[in-house]
C-alpha cells in the first residue's frame, strides 16, 4: 500500500540574512544621551557612568588611588555618536 503524502505545510525556511545596515541607520539607532557602557565609553573617552557621576576615575587598576576627573572630561565628545556608529558598521 502506497503512503499518502502529507499536505501539511512544511516548516518555514530560514529567512535570508539581512544586508548590513548603513551607518546612517546605525546612527539613528543610537540615543542622543549615552545609556549603555559602550555609549558612555565612546562619549566620555573611555570613562564609565560612575566616573562621570562621582568625578573619581578608578578605571586604571594599576593606580593606587582614584584620580579626579577634570571638568573638561565630563563633557561628552562632540562626534561620539558618529564614531560609535562607524565602529558598529565596521564590526557588522
C-alpha atoms as a PDB file:
ATOM      1  CA  UNK A   1       0.000   0.000   0.000  1.00  0.00           C
ATOM      2  CA  UNK A   2       1.402   3.368  -1.009  1.00  0.00           C
ATOM      3  CA  UNK A   3       1.859   6.043   1.617  1.00  0.00           C
ATOM      4  CA  UNK A   4      -0.105   9.169   1.173  1.00  0.00           C
ATOM      5  CA  UNK A   5       1.906  12.361   1.038  1.00  0.00           C
ATOM      6  CA  UNK A   6       1.141  14.859   3.728  1.00  0.00           C
ATOM      7  CA  UNK A   7      -0.400  18.088   2.548  1.00  0.00           C
ATOM      8  CA  UNK A   8       0.536  19.911   5.748  1.00  0.00           C
ATOM      9  CA  UNK A   9       2.693  22.960   5.191  1.00  0.00           C
ATOM     10  CA  UNK A  10       6.382  22.415   5.746  1.00  0.00           C
ATOM     11  CA  UNK A  11       8.410  24.292   8.291  1.00  0.00           C
ATOM     12  CA  UNK A  12       9.382  27.728   7.052  1.00  0.00           C
ATOM     13  CA  UNK A  13      12.904  28.021   5.767  1.00  0.00           C
ATOM     14  CA  UNK A  14      15.312  30.368   7.443  1.00  0.00           C
ATOM     15  CA  UNK A  15      14.866  33.965   6.420  1.00  0.00           C
ATOM     16  CA  UNK A  16      17.645  35.332   4.273  1.00  0.00           C
ATOM     17  CA  UNK A  17      20.336  37.120   6.194  1.00  0.00           C
ATOM     18  CA  UNK A  18      19.637  40.866   6.097  1.00  0.00           C
ATOM     19  CA  UNK A  19      22.103  43.137   4.375  1.00  0.00           C
ATOM     20  CA  UNK A  20      24.455  45.064   6.654  1.00  0.00           C
ATOM     21  CA  UNK A  21      22.817  48.245   7.856  1.00  0.00           C
ATOM     22  CA  UNK A  22      24.125  51.585   6.725  1.00  0.00           C
ATOM     23  CA  UNK A  23      25.977  53.950   9.030  1.00  0.00           C
ATOM     24  CA  UNK A  24      23.032  56.360   8.887  1.00  0.00           C
ATOM     25  CA  UNK A  25      20.664  53.655  10.165  1.00  0.00           C
ATOM     26  CA  UNK A  26      23.106  52.722  12.918  1.00  0.00           C
ATOM     27  CA  UNK A  27      23.478  56.395  13.871  1.00  0.00           C
ATOM     28  CA  UNK A  28      19.709  56.803  14.062  1.00  0.00           C
ATOM     29  CA  UNK A  29      19.511  53.836  16.453  1.00  0.00           C
ATOM     30  CA  UNK A  30      21.911  55.466  18.953  1.00  0.00           C
ATOM     31  CA  UNK A  31      20.221  57.715  21.502  1.00  0.00           C
ATOM     32  CA  UNK A  32      21.391  61.299  21.958  1.00  0.00           C
ATOM     33  CA  UNK A  33      22.290  60.684  25.605  1.00  0.00           C
ATOM     34  CA  UNK A  34      24.603  57.725  26.328  1.00  0.00           C
ATOM     35  CA  UNK A  35      22.783  54.893  28.112  1.00  0.00           C
ATOM     36  CA  UNK A  36      24.936  51.755  27.780  1.00  0.00           C
ATOM     37  CA  UNK A  37      28.502  51.193  28.928  1.00  0.00           C
ATOM     38  CA  UNK A  38      29.665  51.145  25.296  1.00  0.00           C
ATOM     39  CA  UNK A  39      27.989  54.507  24.652  1.00  0.00           C
ATOM     40  CA  UNK A  40      29.482  56.064  27.803  1.00  0.00           C
ATOM     41  CA  UNK A  41      32.955  54.872  26.840  1.00  0.00           C
ATOM     42  CA  UNK A  42      32.523  56.399  23.365  1.00  0.00           C
ATOM     43  CA  UNK A  43      31.116  59.689  24.680  1.00  0.00           C
ATOM     44  CA  UNK A  44      33.489  60.225  27.589  1.00  0.00           C
ATOM     45  CA  UNK A  45      36.787  58.878  26.234  1.00  0.00           C
ATOM     46  CA  UNK A  46      36.679  55.522  27.975  1.00  0.00           C
ATOM     47  CA  UNK A  47      35.116  56.645  31.263  1.00  0.00           C
ATOM     48  CA  UNK A  48      32.164  54.843  32.801  1.00  0.00           C
ATOM     49  CA  UNK A  49      28.934  56.407  34.065  1.00  0.00           C
ATOM     50  CA  UNK A  50      30.253  56.032  37.616  1.00  0.00           C
ATOM     51  CA  UNK A  51      33.397  58.017  36.775  1.00  0.00           C
ATOM     52  CA  UNK A  52      31.348  60.898  35.409  1.00  0.00           C
ATOM     53  CA  UNK A  53      28.763  60.932  38.215  1.00  0.00           C
ATOM     54  CA  UNK A  54      31.261  60.709  41.106  1.00  0.00           C
ATOM     55  CA  UNK A  55      34.032  62.671  39.340  1.00  0.00           C
ATOM     56  CA  UNK A  56      36.505  59.989  40.516  1.00  0.00           C
ATOM     57  CA  UNK A  57      38.029  57.613  37.979  1.00  0.00           C
ATOM     58  CA  UNK A  58      39.160  54.224  39.192  1.00  0.00           C
ATOM     59  CA  UNK A  59      39.277  52.603  35.739  1.00  0.00           C
ATOM     60  CA  UNK A  60      43.043  52.121  35.934  1.00  0.00           C
ATOM     61  CA  UNK A  61      43.629  49.002  38.069  1.00  0.00           C
ATOM     62  CA  UNK A  62      47.318  49.896  38.498  1.00  0.00           C
ATOM     63  CA  UNK A  63      46.686  53.294  40.109  1.00  0.00           C
ATOM     64  CA  UNK A  64      46.925  53.441  43.893  1.00  0.00           C
ATOM     65  CA  UNK A  65      44.092  55.948  44.288  1.00  0.00           C
ATOM     66  CA  UNK A  66      41.227  57.047  42.095  1.00  0.00           C
ATOM     67  CA  UNK A  67      42.032  60.201  40.165  1.00  0.00           C
ATOM     68  CA  UNK A  68      39.781  63.240  39.975  1.00  0.00           C
ATOM     69  CA  UNK A  69      38.011  63.585  36.637  1.00  0.00           C
ATOM     70  CA  UNK A  70      38.558  67.045  35.196  1.00  0.00           C
ATOM     71  CA  UNK A  71      35.575  69.214  34.287  1.00  0.00           C
ATOM     72  CA  UNK A  72      36.589  69.058  30.612  1.00  0.00           C
ATOM     73  CA  UNK A  73      36.327  65.256  30.710  1.00  0.00           C
ATOM     74  CA  UNK A  74      32.712  65.431  31.936  1.00  0.00           C
ATOM     75  CA  UNK A  75      31.568  66.913  28.646  1.00  0.00           C
ATOM     76  CA  UNK A  76      30.715  64.313  26.007  1.00  0.00           C
ATOM     77  CA  UNK A  77      32.898  64.230  22.924  1.00  0.00           C
ATOM     78  CA  UNK A  78      31.191  66.117  20.094  1.00  0.00           C
ATOM     79  CA  UNK A  79      31.186  63.332  17.486  1.00  0.00           C
ATOM     80  CA  UNK A  80      30.852  60.293  19.751  1.00  0.00           C
ATOM     81  CA  UNK A  81      27.660  59.039  18.074  1.00  0.00           C
ATOM     82  CA  UNK A  82      29.217  59.213  14.591  1.00  0.00           C
ATOM     83  CA  UNK A  83      32.306  57.360  15.784  1.00  0.00           C
ATOM     84  CA  UNK A  84      30.269  54.672  17.549  1.00  0.00           C
ATOM     85  CA  UNK A  85      28.030  54.157  14.510  1.00  0.00           C
ATOM     86  CA  UNK A  86      31.097  53.827  12.306  1.00  0.00           C
ATOM     87  CA  UNK A  87      32.693  51.255  14.636  1.00  0.00           C
ATOM     88  CA  UNK A  88      29.457  49.244  14.761  1.00  0.00           C
ATOM     89  CA  UNK A  89      29.192  49.379  10.962  1.00  0.00           C
ATOM     90  CA  UNK A  90      32.783  48.120  10.604  1.00  0.00           C
ATOM     91  CA  UNK A  91      32.095  45.281  13.035  1.00  0.00           C
ATOM     92  CA  UNK A  92      28.998  44.130  11.136  1.00  0.00           C
END
